[in-house]
Amino acid sequence: MRPLRFLATLAACLLSTALSHAARQATAQETAQPHHVPRAEQPVHVDGVLDDAAWSSALVLELRYEIQPGENVPAPVRTECLVTYDTHNLYVAFRALDPEPARIRAHVTDRDAAYRNDLVGIIIDTANDERRAFEFFVNPLGVQMDASRNDVGSGDNEEEDDSWDAIWSSAGRITADGYLVEMAIPFSVLRFPYSDDEQTWGFTAFRAYPRGDRHQFALSPLDRNRNCFLCQIPKIRGFAGIKPGRDIELDPTVTSQRTQALAAEDDPLSGLTDAATHSEAGLSGRWGVTPNTSLNAALNPDFSQVEADVAQLAINRRFSLFYPEKRPFFMESADIFQTPFRVVHTRAIADPSWGVKLSGKPGRQAIGAFVTRDTVTTLLFPGNQGSDLESLDQASTAGVFRFRRDIGESSTIGVLATGREGDGYRNNVVGVDGVLRFTPTDSISLQLVGSSTRYPQATAAEFAQPEGTFDGSAFHLFYNHDTRDWGAWAGYDDKGKDFRADLGFIPRVDTRTLQAGAQLVFWGEKGDPYNRISVGVEADRIEDHAGLLTDQTIAITSHYEGPLQSEIHAEVASVREYLDGVTYDLNRLEVFGNIRPTGDFTCSLGVEYGDSLDYANSRKGRILMLEQGITYNIGRHLYVQLDGVYEELSVDAGRVYRANLLQSRFVYQLNVRSFVRVIAQYIDLSRNPDLYSDAVAATDRELFTQLLFSYKINPQTVLFLGYSDNHLGERGIDMQITDRTLFVKVGYAWLL
């Protein structure tokens, strides 16, 4: 039996066993009886004062437990959470007492940017399935933060995603004995099963209290021997007869930009063309088809992103760099499309002219599907030793379908299909996946996918891809054991040479990967010089499908968390790596540290030193990399962030290259709705041409700058005014501008 077939059979057996085990699990919640939420007789005016009559009869809950860094110890300060509702809104308020109000960390920031402040909020599982939840947080000045939480994945798939945005109201103010917060969350932004009867929801209140440590408080204890969070939170009950309303949102946008670019694209001295202005209107819409399912559509949409990507060094990298998705249309219910392999990564859809998406979670099912028409077709050609990117100047249609089913208390199984077609081009991917939790501390994730691909003949020839239609497959199996004091894991991945996921991000194929590791965890107590220390060992081995060892790593790791919100991570690794017919033995050390000594200042430093490969010239070298970062809040309104990366690679004959990457961000927050921001990104690259086998430029410099004014009433009602430009040059020669753009965007959220 071939290895992939054997492993698929093994996975099927494990899946059958897990489903049988899950079917026998009891679904009773091991928490106290639900807290009853009374109905408010009158609406709440959200102003951070708490003088409305509704609060006098609201449910009052106290956050008695510190869950981090203390382990379910009494919270050192008192926090009350008040909960009530009416026909249209869930109302939540907090009284956060503080014996030293002057030490409260609170800054005026953009939404979703105040997580390092003091904050309070709620995590609410409206489906009561202990798998997905909504999160709403507010800092003491009323700045909003919201996120979706996915508690059914493993690794990268188990996360909080703050790209999810809802339209809701909040207010906060600092008082003589702490601070007060009010929140009004419309039921139209939540997903819940409609019923005339009362409903039970998972619910917990949360407070972050950053001082010497970042203390975290909650309503109930958190068992560190259970690797799920939503399965441990309390329940609330009430909400009889609430309805999500018509839940229709229309978001018209108008964008306009005036651009100048080089007259000759490859000649920085050719000068800029006359300015060209381009304007267009777009319309996005959202309809809550059911209380648990929404339909999104966009006609001639503005899929552009105002937020600039963080710059990365691309020198001496074999595989394509990863950039996260930031466009709201694609971020809606993005967690539904996550699987162990990243076979859906919507940055592959470069410039869509329209899109339609259906997503939701009716009952124990999660469904997601979208179709877009892209004006260009971007392709990532993966291999064992490197990857290539290409953009075809032709349109293509892309579609994704996802279905996931909850099994037992905390397991899932799902199917996923993607497809993209253009002139002479096609890529289809179909697969199954699951996350199987056998015990509160043990889980298995698995995935089996197959692909069918055909590239245009000229493209296949240029990038040495198979001609005609070719098929490939990939398999993933990963076991994880996670307890309070120790953990262990083991996994196997197999990506076939001809496997392609053109709507995802898989830059490396033709690999069989074995990995395993274990760690011990030591928890500090009050007065100890540490909060948490872990030490571990991990190993992985990668072969291609011909049986050649291409990579092997054995590493000893340690991680420290202590006072002043300090962290230090260290790793010593012994590596074997194959390149152009030679296997090299490499040793290197990596250390990263971060500390936040005050509420206004953070600094970090990372060091990598040791052996590395010079991929451009196929030889062994020595690398030194330094990563530095500083953030500084000046008063409540000004935020400064400075980041730098220094990297150099040397061989016995001398230094091959030196690279500097500097990034700065200055944000002046006028109020909670508006800010002015300046970003600058500078890359300075110096090479020694005598040490390269091919001709290279001795120096390269790049500079990107952006000035932006933003005014947001809510995530969709926005005004952006901005300017950006790019410069190129060589050291000793004035940098030449290659393009400049003035842009404006206006968006409005029309709720029906």
Foldseek 3Di string as FASTA:
>chain_A
DDPVVVVVVVVVVVVVVLLVLLVPDDQDAPDDDAAEFEAFPDDDDAAFPPPDPRQVPFDKFWQQAWVPLDARHGDPWTKIWTWYYYQWWTKIKMDTFDPCLVAFQFFQDEAQPCPLGKKKWKWKAQAQQLAKTKIWMAGQAGRIFIWIAGFQAPDPLGDTGRLDFDDWGKGKHADPGGIMMMTIGTLLRAFHAAAQDKGKMFMKMWIFDDDQHGIITIRDGDAQFFSGDSSNGHMHMGPRRHDSPFSKKKKKKKKKKWKWFAPDQPDLPRDTDHIDMDIDMKMKMKTPPHSFKMKIKIAQDDQDDPDDWDDDDDALDFEDDDTARNGSVCVVPVSQPDAPAFLAGQVQQPAWRIKMKMWGADNQKTWIKMKTKGQKGKFWAAEARHIDIDIHRHIKMKMKIKMKGDRRRRKIKIKIWIWMDTVQWIKIKIKIWMWRDSDSFKIKIKMKMKMKIADRPVVCVVVVHDHDIDMWMKIKIKMKGGGDFKIKIKIWIAFARNGGSSNGDDRYHQKIKIKIKMKTKDADDPPDQFGIKMKMWMKMWIDGPVGHTAKIKIKIKMWTAGTQRKIKIKMWMWMWHDADHDIDTWIKIKMKMKGHNGSFKIKIKIWIWIWDANNQAGDIWIKIKMKIKMWGDDPNFKIKIKIKMWMWIADPVGTAKIKIKIKIKIWGNPRNFKIKMKIKIKMKMAGDQVPGPDGDDRIKIKMKMKIWIKGHPGPFQIKIWMKMWMWMDGPPDDIRTRMIMTMIMGMDMDTD
